[in-house]
Every structure is written in C-alpha cells, then in structure tokens.
Amino acid sequence: MPGQPLLVLPPLHPRTSSRYLPVPVPTAGT
C-alpha cells in the first residue's frame, strides 16, 4: 500500500510531512 509509507514519513520528518499531509503534523507534535 503506497498510502502506508506516507503515514510513516510524517513522524520521521514533520516538516516534510506538512507539505504532503498537514494532518499528521499535529499528531507528531504530540
């Protein structure tokens, strides 16, 4: 599933994830 990798990237790089998905960003901040 290509959607899985995207969710895994945000926690690793919150700054980069904000460009792809702004939703996972707040989750990583917590």
PDB file of N, CA and C in Angstrom:
ATOM      1  N   MET A   1       0.840  -1.206   0.000  1.00  0.00           N
ATOM      2  CA  MET A   1       0.000   0.000   0.000  1.00  0.00           C
ATOM      3  C   MET A   1       0.876   1.258   0.000  1.00  0.00           C
ATOM      4  N   PRO A   2       0.786   2.043  -1.054  1.00  0.00           N
ATOM      5  CA  PRO A   2       1.580   3.274  -1.166  1.00  0.00           C
ATOM      6  C   PRO A   2       1.160   4.308  -0.124  1.00  0.00           C
ATOM      7  N   GLY A   3      -0.040   4.181   0.405  1.00  0.00           N
ATOM      8  CA  GLY A   3      -0.538   5.136   1.400  1.00  0.00           C
ATOM      9  C   GLY A   3       0.162   4.959   2.739  1.00  0.00           C
ATOM     10  N   GLN A   4       0.641   3.748   3.013  1.00  0.00           N
ATOM     11  CA  GLN A   4       1.298   3.460   4.289  1.00  0.00           C
ATOM     12  C   GLN A   4       2.595   4.263   4.447  1.00  0.00           C
ATOM     13  N   PRO A   5       3.514   4.199   3.483  1.00  0.00           N
ATOM     14  CA  PRO A   5       4.800   4.915   3.554  1.00  0.00           C
ATOM     15  C   PRO A   5       4.601   6.392   3.869  1.00  0.00           C
ATOM     16  N   LEU A   6       3.564   7.007   3.305  1.00  0.00           N
ATOM     17  CA  LEU A   6       3.310   8.434   3.521  1.00  0.00           C
ATOM     18  C   LEU A   6       3.048   8.706   4.992  1.00  0.00           C
ATOM     19  N   LEU A   7       2.323   7.799   5.641  1.00  0.00           N
ATOM     20  CA  LEU A   7       1.986   7.985   7.053  1.00  0.00           C
ATOM     21  C   LEU A   7       3.222   7.767   7.917  1.00  0.00           C
ATOM     22  N   VAL A   8       4.138   6.939   7.433  1.00  0.00           N
ATOM     23  CA  VAL A   8       5.347   6.635   8.203  1.00  0.00           C
ATOM     24  C   VAL A   8       6.343   7.791   8.124  1.00  0.00           C
ATOM     25  N   LEU A   9       6.339   8.503   7.005  1.00  0.00           N
ATOM     26  CA  LEU A   9       7.279   9.609   6.813  1.00  0.00           C
ATOM     27  C   LEU A   9       7.011  10.790   7.750  1.00  0.00           C
ATOM     28  N   PRO A  10       5.750  11.180   7.924  1.00  0.00           N
ATOM     29  CA  PRO A  10       5.424  12.334   8.779  1.00  0.00           C
ATOM     30  C   PRO A  10       6.104  12.316  10.145  1.00  0.00           C
ATOM     31  N   PRO A  11       5.974  11.219  10.912  1.00  0.00           N
ATOM     32  CA  PRO A  11       6.589  11.151  12.237  1.00  0.00           C
ATOM     33  C   PRO A  11       8.106  11.344  12.174  1.00  0.00           C
ATOM     34  N   LEU A  12       8.722  10.862  11.096  1.00  0.00           N
ATOM     35  CA  LEU A  12      10.175  10.990  10.960  1.00  0.00           C
ATOM     36  C   LEU A  12      10.552  12.418  10.601  1.00  0.00           C
ATOM     37  N   HIS A  13       9.807  12.995   9.642  1.00  0.00           N
ATOM     38  CA  HIS A  13      10.083  14.368   9.215  1.00  0.00           C
ATOM     39  C   HIS A  13       8.788  15.175   9.181  1.00  0.00           C
ATOM     40  N   PRO A  14       8.427  15.769  10.320  1.00  0.00           N
ATOM     41  CA  PRO A  14       7.179  16.539  10.442  1.00  0.00           C
ATOM     42  C   PRO A  14       7.173  17.718   9.479  1.00  0.00           C
ATOM     43  N   ARG A  15       8.323  18.292   9.199  1.00  0.00           N
ATOM     44  CA  ARG A  15       8.397  19.449   8.299  1.00  0.00           C
ATOM     45  C   ARG A  15       8.065  19.028   6.874  1.00  0.00           C
ATOM     46  N   THR A  16       8.592  17.871   6.462  1.00  0.00           N
ATOM     47  CA  THR A  16       8.335  17.387   5.104  1.00  0.00           C
ATOM     48  C   THR A  16       6.907  16.887   4.975  1.00  0.00           C
ATOM     49  N   SER A  17       6.409  16.299   6.052  1.00  0.00           N
ATOM     50  CA  SER A  17       5.057  15.735   6.032  1.00  0.00           C
ATOM     51  C   SER A  17       4.029  16.844   5.851  1.00  0.00           C
ATOM     52  N   SER A  18       4.328  18.034   6.392  1.00  0.00           N
ATOM     53  CA  SER A  18       3.390  19.152   6.310  1.00  0.00           C
ATOM     54  C   SER A  18       3.123  19.486   4.849  1.00  0.00           C
ATOM     55  N   ARG A  19       4.113  19.214   3.990  1.00  0.00           N
ATOM     56  CA  ARG A  19       3.948  19.521   2.557  1.00  0.00           C
ATOM     57  C   ARG A  19       3.027  18.487   1.910  1.00  0.00           C
ATOM     58  N   TYR A  20       3.131  17.240   2.365  1.00  0.00           N
ATOM     59  CA  TYR A  20       2.294  16.179   1.799  1.00  0.00           C
ATOM     60  C   TYR A  20       0.944  16.122   2.502  1.00  0.00           C
ATOM     61  N   LEU A  21       0.995  15.960   3.836  1.00  0.00           N
ATOM     62  CA  LEU A  21      -0.254  15.876   4.606  1.00  0.00           C
ATOM     63  C   LEU A  21      -0.137  16.713   5.887  1.00  0.00           C
ATOM     64  N   PRO A  22      -0.848  17.836   5.944  1.00  0.00           N
ATOM     65  CA  PRO A  22      -0.815  18.739   7.100  1.00  0.00           C
ATOM     66  C   PRO A  22      -1.508  18.134   8.318  1.00  0.00           C
ATOM     67  N   VAL A  23      -2.212  17.023   8.135  1.00  0.00           N
ATOM     68  CA  VAL A  23      -2.957  16.403   9.242  1.00  0.00           C
ATOM     69  C   VAL A  23      -2.021  15.665  10.200  1.00  0.00           C
ATOM     70  N   PRO A  24      -1.109  14.815   9.688  1.00  0.00           N
ATOM     71  CA  PRO A  24      -0.183  14.054  10.529  1.00  0.00           C
ATOM     72  C   PRO A  24       0.766  14.953  11.318  1.00  0.00           C
ATOM     73  N   VAL A  25       0.940  16.178  10.888  1.00  0.00           N
ATOM     74  CA  VAL A  25       1.874  17.092  11.565  1.00  0.00           C
ATOM     75  C   VAL A  25       1.500  17.301  13.023  1.00  0.00           C
ATOM     76  N   PRO A  26       0.246  17.689  13.326  1.00  0.00           N
ATOM     77  CA  PRO A  26      -0.176  17.896  14.715  1.00  0.00           C
ATOM     78  C   PRO A  26      -0.013  16.629  15.555  1.00  0.00           C
ATOM     79  N   THR A  27      -0.183  15.491  14.941  1.00  0.00           N
ATOM     80  CA  THR A  27      -0.056  14.224  15.666  1.00  0.00           C
ATOM     81  C   THR A  27       1.397  14.016  16.106  1.00  0.00           C
ATOM     82  N   ALA A  28       2.331  14.389  15.229  1.00  0.00           N
ATOM     83  CA  ALA A  28       3.749  14.210  15.536  1.00  0.00           C
ATOM     84  C   ALA A  28       4.165  15.182  16.638  1.00  0.00           C
ATOM     85  N   GLY A  29       3.530  16.354  16.658  1.00  0.00           N
ATOM     86  CA  GLY A  29       3.843  17.355  17.681  1.00  0.00           C
ATOM     87  C   GLY A  29       3.488  16.838  19.062  1.00  0.00           C
ATOM     88  N   THR A  30       2.479  15.995  19.108  1.00  0.00           N
ATOM     89  CA  THR A  30       2.056  15.442  20.394  1.00  0.00           C
ATOM     90  C   THR A  30       3.018  14.332  20.767  1.00  0.00           C
TER      91      THR A  30
END
